[in-house]
Amino acid sequence: MLTLHRPLADEARSVLVDGGRILAVGPYAELYAAHGERARVREWHGTVAPGRYEPDAVRLLETLYWPDPREADELGAEPLPAASVPMTDTRWGGSARRGLQRMLARGVTAVAGPFTRPPVRTAVQRSGVLLGPAPAVLAPDARADFTVLAADGSVLATSVGGRLVHRRA
Protein backbone atom coordinates (compact mmCIF):
# COMPACT_ATOMS: atom_id res chain seq x y z
CA MET A 1 0.00 0.00 0.00
CA LEU A 2 1.31 3.44 -0.93
CA THR A 3 1.31 6.13 1.75
CA LEU A 4 2.26 9.72 1.02
CA HIS A 5 3.46 11.63 4.09
CA ARG A 6 2.81 15.33 3.54
CA PRO A 7 4.62 17.56 6.06
CA LEU A 8 2.71 20.83 5.98
CA ALA A 9 5.72 22.76 7.36
CA ASP A 10 8.02 21.56 4.52
CA GLU A 11 6.12 20.11 1.56
CA ALA A 12 9.37 19.92 -0.43
CA ARG A 13 10.36 16.98 1.77
CA SER A 14 7.34 14.75 1.41
CA VAL A 15 7.92 10.99 1.62
CA LEU A 16 6.19 8.31 -0.45
CA VAL A 17 6.27 4.90 1.23
CA ASP A 18 5.50 1.56 -0.42
CA GLY A 19 5.18 -1.11 2.26
CA GLY A 20 8.31 -0.88 4.35
CA ARG A 21 10.49 1.04 1.87
CA ILE A 22 10.75 4.66 0.78
CA LEU A 23 9.71 4.92 -2.85
CA ALA A 24 10.44 8.64 -3.29
CA VAL A 25 11.29 11.84 -1.43
CA GLY A 26 10.42 15.19 -2.92
CA PRO A 27 7.89 17.99 -3.35
CA TYR A 28 4.39 16.97 -2.35
CA ALA A 29 2.81 18.31 -5.56
CA GLU A 30 5.09 16.15 -7.74
CA LEU A 31 4.62 12.99 -5.68
CA TYR A 32 0.87 13.51 -5.50
CA ALA A 33 0.62 14.07 -9.26
CA ALA A 34 2.49 10.82 -9.92
CA HIS A 35 0.95 8.62 -7.21
CA GLY A 36 -1.85 10.50 -5.44
CA GLU A 37 -4.74 8.49 -6.83
CA ARG A 38 -3.24 5.28 -5.45
CA ALA A 39 -1.76 6.63 -2.22
CA ARG A 40 -3.19 7.21 1.21
CA VAL A 41 -2.20 10.76 2.21
CA ARG A 42 -1.16 11.51 5.79
CA GLU A 43 -0.79 15.19 6.59
CA TRP A 44 1.49 16.31 9.39
CA HIS A 45 1.88 19.76 10.96
CA GLY A 46 5.64 19.43 11.01
CA THR A 47 8.65 18.25 9.03
CA VAL A 48 9.80 14.75 8.10
CA ALA A 49 13.30 13.77 9.25
CA PRO A 50 15.38 10.60 9.48
CA GLY A 51 14.75 8.52 12.59
CA ARG A 52 16.95 9.05 15.61
CA TYR A 53 19.62 6.72 17.00
CA GLU A 54 19.80 5.82 20.70
CA PRO A 55 23.42 4.92 21.53
CA ASP A 56 22.58 4.33 25.22
CA ALA A 57 19.86 1.72 24.62
CA VAL A 58 21.63 -1.13 26.42
CA ARG A 59 21.84 0.88 29.64
CA LEU A 60 18.30 2.20 29.29
CA LEU A 61 16.77 -1.24 28.70
CA GLU A 62 19.03 -3.59 30.68
CA THR A 63 19.80 -1.62 33.85
CA LEU A 64 16.62 0.41 34.34
CA TYR A 65 13.11 -0.69 35.19
CA TRP A 66 10.35 1.16 33.33
CA PRO A 67 7.35 0.85 35.67
CA ASP A 68 3.99 -0.38 34.48
CA PRO A 69 1.35 2.40 34.75
CA ARG A 70 -0.49 0.17 37.26
CA GLU A 71 2.57 0.49 39.52
CA ALA A 72 2.65 4.30 39.40
CA ASP A 73 1.27 4.78 42.92
CA GLU A 74 4.01 2.56 44.36
CA LEU A 75 6.97 3.13 42.02
CA GLY A 76 6.20 6.33 40.13
CA ALA A 77 6.19 6.77 36.35
CA GLU A 78 9.89 7.34 35.67
CA PRO A 79 12.52 4.65 35.19
CA LEU A 80 14.42 3.47 38.25
CA PRO A 81 17.41 1.17 38.82
CA ALA A 82 16.38 -2.40 38.07
CA ALA A 83 18.16 -3.55 41.21
CA SER A 84 15.53 -1.70 43.28
CA VAL A 85 12.70 -4.09 42.26
CA PRO A 86 12.55 -7.89 42.05
CA MET A 87 13.13 -8.65 38.36
CA THR A 88 11.77 -11.70 36.55
CA ASP A 89 11.91 -12.47 32.83
CA THR A 90 8.30 -11.27 32.54
CA ARG A 91 9.15 -8.02 34.26
CA TRP A 92 12.25 -7.50 32.07
CA GLY A 93 10.18 -8.00 28.91
CA GLY A 94 7.45 -5.59 30.00
CA SER A 95 9.99 -3.02 31.13
CA ALA A 96 11.84 -3.21 27.80
CA ARG A 97 8.59 -2.77 25.84
CA ARG A 98 7.69 0.31 27.87
CA GLY A 99 11.21 1.72 27.48
CA LEU A 100 11.04 1.17 23.73
CA GLN A 101 7.66 2.91 23.60
CA ARG A 102 9.26 5.95 25.24
CA MET A 103 12.10 5.84 22.70
CA LEU A 104 9.67 5.61 19.77
CA ALA A 105 7.87 8.66 21.18
CA ARG A 106 11.22 10.50 20.90
CA GLY A 107 11.63 9.49 17.24
CA VAL A 108 14.11 6.66 17.84
CA THR A 109 14.19 4.11 15.02
CA ALA A 110 17.62 2.57 15.70
CA VAL A 111 19.41 1.50 18.86
CA ALA A 112 22.88 0.34 19.91
CA GLY A 113 23.24 -3.23 21.14
CA PRO A 114 23.95 -6.00 21.79
CA PHE A 115 21.36 -6.99 24.37
CA THR A 116 22.28 -9.83 26.69
CA ARG A 117 18.99 -10.38 28.50
CA PRO A 118 16.75 -12.64 26.35
CA PRO A 119 13.45 -10.87 27.23
CA VAL A 120 14.99 -7.48 26.36
CA ARG A 121 16.49 -8.83 23.13
CA THR A 122 13.08 -10.27 22.16
CA ALA A 123 11.33 -6.95 22.86
CA VAL A 124 13.85 -5.06 20.73
CA GLN A 125 13.54 -7.56 17.86
CA ARG A 126 9.73 -7.42 17.94
CA SER A 127 9.71 -3.62 18.00
CA GLY A 128 11.30 -3.52 14.53
CA VAL A 129 13.91 -0.88 15.43
CA LEU A 130 17.27 -1.28 13.73
CA LEU A 131 20.38 -2.36 15.60
CA GLY A 132 23.09 0.11 14.74
CA PRO A 133 23.08 3.72 13.58
CA ALA A 134 20.05 5.06 11.73
CA PRO A 135 20.53 6.29 8.16
CA ALA A 136 21.33 10.00 8.16
CA VAL A 137 19.15 10.81 5.14
CA LEU A 138 15.81 9.79 3.69
CA ALA A 139 16.37 8.22 0.30
CA PRO A 140 14.52 6.07 -2.24
CA ASP A 141 14.75 2.32 -1.58
CA ALA A 142 15.80 2.88 2.04
CA ARG A 143 13.81 1.34 4.84
CA ALA A 144 10.92 3.64 5.80
CA ASP A 145 12.26 4.70 9.20
CA PHE A 146 11.58 8.35 9.92
CA THR A 147 10.10 10.78 12.37
CA VAL A 148 7.81 13.79 11.99
CA LEU A 149 8.89 16.77 14.08
CA ALA A 150 6.75 19.67 15.27
CA ALA A 151 8.09 23.23 15.07
CA ASP A 152 9.30 22.97 18.69
CA GLY A 153 11.30 19.79 17.91
CA SER A 154 8.89 17.43 19.67
CA VAL A 155 7.91 14.23 17.88
CA LEU A 156 4.51 14.02 16.20
CA ALA A 157 4.98 10.55 14.69
CA THR A 158 7.51 7.77 14.23
CA SER A 159 7.59 5.23 11.42
CA VAL A 160 9.60 2.00 11.66
CA GLY A 161 9.77 -0.09 8.52
CA GLY A 162 6.78 1.76 7.10
CA ARG A 163 4.63 1.10 10.18
CA LEU A 164 3.38 4.06 12.14
CA VAL A 165 4.52 3.02 15.63
CA HIS A 166 3.97 6.31 17.45
CA ARG A 167 1.57 9.17 16.85
CA ARG A 168 0.94 12.03 19.23
CA ALA A 169 -2.70 12.84 19.62
Foldseek 3Di string as FASTA:
>chain_A
DWAWEAAPVCQQFIFIDDQFFTAAGGHNVVCCVVCVVPYHYDYHPFAKFAFFEAACLQCQLPQWFQDDPVCCVPPNGDIDGPVVDDDDLVRSLVRLLVSVLVSQQQRHQEYEDDHDRVSNNVSVVVVQRHHDGTDRGRGGGHGPWIFGAHPVRGTQWTAHSNRTSDGDD
